[in-house]
Protein backbone atom coordinates (compact mmCIF):
# COMPACT_ATOMS: atom_id res chain seq x y z
CA ILE A 1 155.12 -17.55 -31.92
CA TRP A 2 153.13 -19.21 -29.11
CA ALA A 3 155.20 -22.42 -29.15
CA PHE A 4 158.47 -20.69 -29.99
CA THR A 5 158.18 -18.44 -26.94
CA LYS A 6 157.40 -21.35 -24.63
CA ILE A 7 160.30 -23.42 -25.92
CA TYR A 8 162.69 -20.47 -25.69
CA LEU A 9 161.64 -19.64 -22.12
CA SER A 10 162.00 -23.29 -21.08
CA GLY A 11 165.77 -23.11 -21.64
CA ILE A 12 165.72 -26.66 -23.02
CA ASP A 13 168.99 -27.85 -24.60
CA LEU A 14 167.39 -30.38 -26.99
CA HIS A 15 163.99 -30.03 -28.62
CA ILE A 16 162.25 -32.56 -30.88
CA ASP A 17 159.95 -31.21 -33.57
CA VAL A 18 157.65 -33.52 -35.48
CA ALA A 19 157.03 -32.29 -39.02
CA SER A 20 156.16 -28.68 -38.19
CA ASN A 21 156.84 -25.66 -40.41
CA VAL A 22 160.41 -25.47 -41.70
CA ASN A 23 160.77 -21.80 -40.72
CA PHE A 24 159.71 -22.58 -37.15
CA VAL A 25 162.29 -25.36 -36.93
CA GLY A 26 165.01 -23.14 -38.36
CA PHE A 27 164.29 -20.36 -35.87
CA LEU A 28 164.49 -22.82 -32.97
CA THR A 29 168.05 -23.74 -33.98
CA ALA A 30 169.13 -20.20 -33.07
CA PHE A 31 169.02 -21.14 -29.37
CA THR A 32 168.76 -24.94 -28.97
CA GLN A 33 169.60 -28.27 -30.58
CA VAL A 34 166.68 -29.47 -32.73
CA GLU A 35 165.91 -32.94 -34.01
CA PHE A 36 163.33 -32.87 -36.79
CA VAL A 37 161.26 -36.02 -37.34
CA ASP A 38 159.27 -36.49 -40.55
CA ILE A 39 158.53 -39.06 -43.25
CA ARG A 40 159.96 -36.51 -45.67
CA PRO A 41 163.55 -35.52 -44.88
CA LEU A 42 164.45 -31.89 -44.34
CA ILE A 43 167.84 -31.40 -45.94
CA ALA A 44 169.29 -28.31 -44.31
CA PRO A 45 173.11 -28.52 -44.18
CA TYR A 46 173.31 -24.77 -43.54
CA LEU A 47 171.52 -25.06 -40.18
CA LYS A 48 173.66 -25.40 -37.08
CA ASN A 49 172.10 -27.19 -34.10
CA PHE A 50 169.96 -29.25 -36.49
CA LYS A 51 169.57 -32.97 -37.07
CA ASN A 52 167.14 -34.60 -39.48
CA VAL A 53 165.70 -37.84 -38.04
CA PRO A 54 163.80 -40.09 -40.44
CA GLY A 55 160.61 -41.30 -38.85
CA SER A 56 156.87 -41.16 -38.67
CA ILE A 57 154.60 -39.45 -36.19
CA VAL A 58 152.86 -42.79 -35.68
CA ASP A 59 156.16 -44.69 -35.19
CA MET A 60 158.72 -42.36 -33.68
CA PRO A 61 162.36 -43.52 -33.39
CA TYR A 62 162.59 -42.81 -29.65
CA GLU A 63 162.28 -44.83 -26.46
CA ASP A 64 159.27 -44.57 -24.17
CA CYS A 65 159.29 -41.49 -21.92
CA SER A 66 162.59 -40.25 -23.38
CA LEU A 67 161.87 -36.73 -24.74
CA ARG A 68 161.70 -33.65 -22.53
CA SER A 69 160.45 -31.20 -25.16
CA ILE A 70 158.34 -31.96 -28.27
CA SER A 71 156.40 -29.80 -30.71
CA CYS A 72 153.95 -30.91 -33.36
CA LEU A 73 152.28 -27.90 -34.95
CA SER A 74 149.63 -28.07 -37.66
CA VAL A 75 150.54 -31.67 -38.51
CA ALA A 76 148.33 -34.22 -36.73
CA GLU A 77 145.16 -33.11 -38.53
CA HIS A 78 146.64 -34.50 -41.77
CA ILE A 79 147.71 -37.92 -40.47
CA GLY A 80 145.96 -40.85 -42.10
CA LEU A 81 144.55 -38.86 -45.01
CA GLY A 82 147.23 -39.86 -47.53
CA ARG A 83 148.04 -36.31 -48.54
CA TYR A 84 151.73 -36.54 -47.68
CA GLY A 85 152.38 -40.14 -48.64
CA ASP A 86 151.14 -41.68 -45.41
CA PRO A 87 148.69 -44.60 -45.50
CA LEU A 88 144.95 -43.98 -45.11
CA ASP A 89 143.87 -44.39 -41.49
CA PRO A 90 140.70 -42.88 -40.00
CA MET A 91 142.36 -42.92 -36.57
CA GLY A 92 145.48 -41.11 -37.77
CA THR A 93 145.28 -38.12 -35.44
CA LYS A 94 144.51 -40.30 -32.43
CA LYS A 95 147.43 -42.62 -33.23
CA ALA A 96 149.75 -39.62 -33.63
CA ALA A 97 148.65 -38.33 -30.22
CA ALA A 98 149.32 -41.72 -28.62
CA GLU A 99 152.82 -41.84 -30.10
CA LEU A 100 153.69 -38.32 -28.97
CA SER A 101 152.43 -39.19 -25.49
CA ARG A 102 154.46 -42.41 -25.45
CA CYS A 103 157.69 -40.55 -26.20
CA LEU A 104 157.17 -37.65 -23.79
CA ALA A 105 159.31 -37.90 -20.64
CA ARG A 106 157.86 -37.50 -17.18
CA GLY A 107 158.01 -33.78 -16.46
CA GLY A 108 158.39 -33.10 -20.19
CA HIS A 109 156.42 -30.66 -22.33
CA LEU A 110 154.44 -31.16 -25.54
CA TYR A 111 153.39 -28.17 -27.67
CA PHE A 112 150.63 -29.29 -30.02
CA SER A 113 148.41 -27.37 -32.43
CA LEU A 114 145.78 -28.13 -35.05
CA PRO A 115 142.40 -26.85 -36.31
CA VAL A 116 139.65 -26.97 -33.70
CA GLY A 117 135.94 -26.28 -33.64
CA ARG A 118 132.98 -28.35 -34.77
CA PRO A 119 134.43 -31.70 -35.91
CA VAL A 120 134.60 -32.27 -39.67
CA LEU A 121 136.74 -34.22 -42.13
CA CYS A 122 137.87 -32.38 -45.27
CA PHE A 123 139.28 -35.32 -47.22
CA ASN A 124 142.22 -35.42 -48.09
CA ALA A 125 143.19 -32.06 -46.67
CA HIS A 126 142.68 -32.09 -42.90
CA ARG A 127 140.44 -32.80 -39.95
CA ILE A 128 138.93 -30.33 -37.54
CA HIS A 129 138.61 -31.71 -34.00
CA SER A 130 136.77 -30.44 -30.97
CA PRO A 131 139.21 -29.31 -28.26
CA LYS A 132 137.66 -31.85 -25.86
CA GLN A 133 138.37 -34.61 -28.37
CA ILE A 134 142.03 -33.61 -28.53
CA VAL A 135 142.38 -33.61 -24.75
CA SER A 136 140.80 -37.09 -24.70
CA TYR A 137 143.48 -38.28 -27.16
CA PHE A 138 146.13 -37.59 -24.48
CA PRO A 139 144.76 -39.48 -21.43
CA ASP A 140 148.23 -39.83 -19.85
CA LEU A 141 149.01 -36.11 -20.09
CA GLN A 142 147.83 -33.03 -18.24
CA LEU A 143 146.69 -29.91 -20.08
CA VAL A 144 148.82 -27.00 -18.87
CA GLU A 145 147.31 -24.42 -21.21
CA PHE A 146 144.88 -24.11 -24.08
CA SER A 147 145.20 -21.02 -26.25
CA VAL A 148 143.43 -20.30 -29.52
CA TYR A 149 143.41 -18.18 -32.60
CA ASP A 150 139.64 -18.09 -33.10
CA ASP A 151 137.31 -17.62 -36.06
CA SER A 152 137.21 -13.87 -35.33
CA HIS A 153 141.01 -13.67 -35.79
CA ARG A 154 141.71 -13.07 -32.12
CA PHE A 155 144.50 -14.72 -30.16
CA ILE A 156 143.09 -15.76 -26.79
CA GLU A 157 145.73 -17.00 -24.40
CA ASN A 158 144.99 -19.60 -21.75
CA THR A 159 141.25 -19.98 -22.28
CA ASP A 160 138.67 -22.66 -21.53
CA ILE A 161 138.47 -25.42 -24.16
CA ALA A 162 134.67 -25.25 -24.12
CA SER A 163 134.76 -21.62 -25.28
CA ILE A 164 135.76 -22.60 -28.79
CA GLU A 165 133.50 -25.60 -29.49
CA ASN A 166 131.28 -23.69 -31.98
CA ASN A 167 134.09 -22.26 -34.10
CA LYS A 168 134.40 -23.56 -37.64
CA PHE A 169 138.17 -23.36 -38.15
CA ALA A 170 140.13 -22.03 -35.20
CA CYS A 171 143.73 -22.90 -34.40
CA GLY A 172 143.94 -24.64 -31.04
CA MET A 173 147.25 -24.57 -29.19
CA PHE A 174 147.66 -27.18 -26.47
CA HIS A 175 150.50 -27.28 -23.96
CA PHE A 176 150.63 -30.67 -22.25
CA THR A 177 152.92 -32.19 -19.66
CA LYS A 178 153.37 -35.65 -18.20
CA ASP A 179 153.34 -36.18 -14.44
CA SER A 180 156.83 -36.53 -13.03
CA ILE A 181 155.73 -39.26 -10.63
């Protein structure tokens, strides 16, 4: 709901989603064109405003600085763990972040979420990153907002990233942009 609302309010006419939940992607097509990038194709001929784009989060089929609106929700924590057919790579999440950053246009928006708290690797399920670590993975982007669904099951909108460092398994929601200069 957090990302959906932001994308809807942006009025964007084309949004790129990278391997997020199928329901989320389908709902987005109600108001904008969506290109869905994943190593596993999403065959959805019934969806209008939808295009499946074969690709990988670590090798996206787009030019540098070409995308104005990107989402990647609950995906990057799995990259490099082999769970979904991708090769093992201990730097998977960091490489995914670099690729998303590369593709984001100046003035564009990236909506990114994954588990945050005390860092841990749960092989081959997911990683939990500290929020500061995630921000460091996007050195060319500016953090517009950090929101969280914390360990106490509370949604806290626009909070300080340091406030969540001691959680075990919170959901961090990061809204980044790239300078338009």
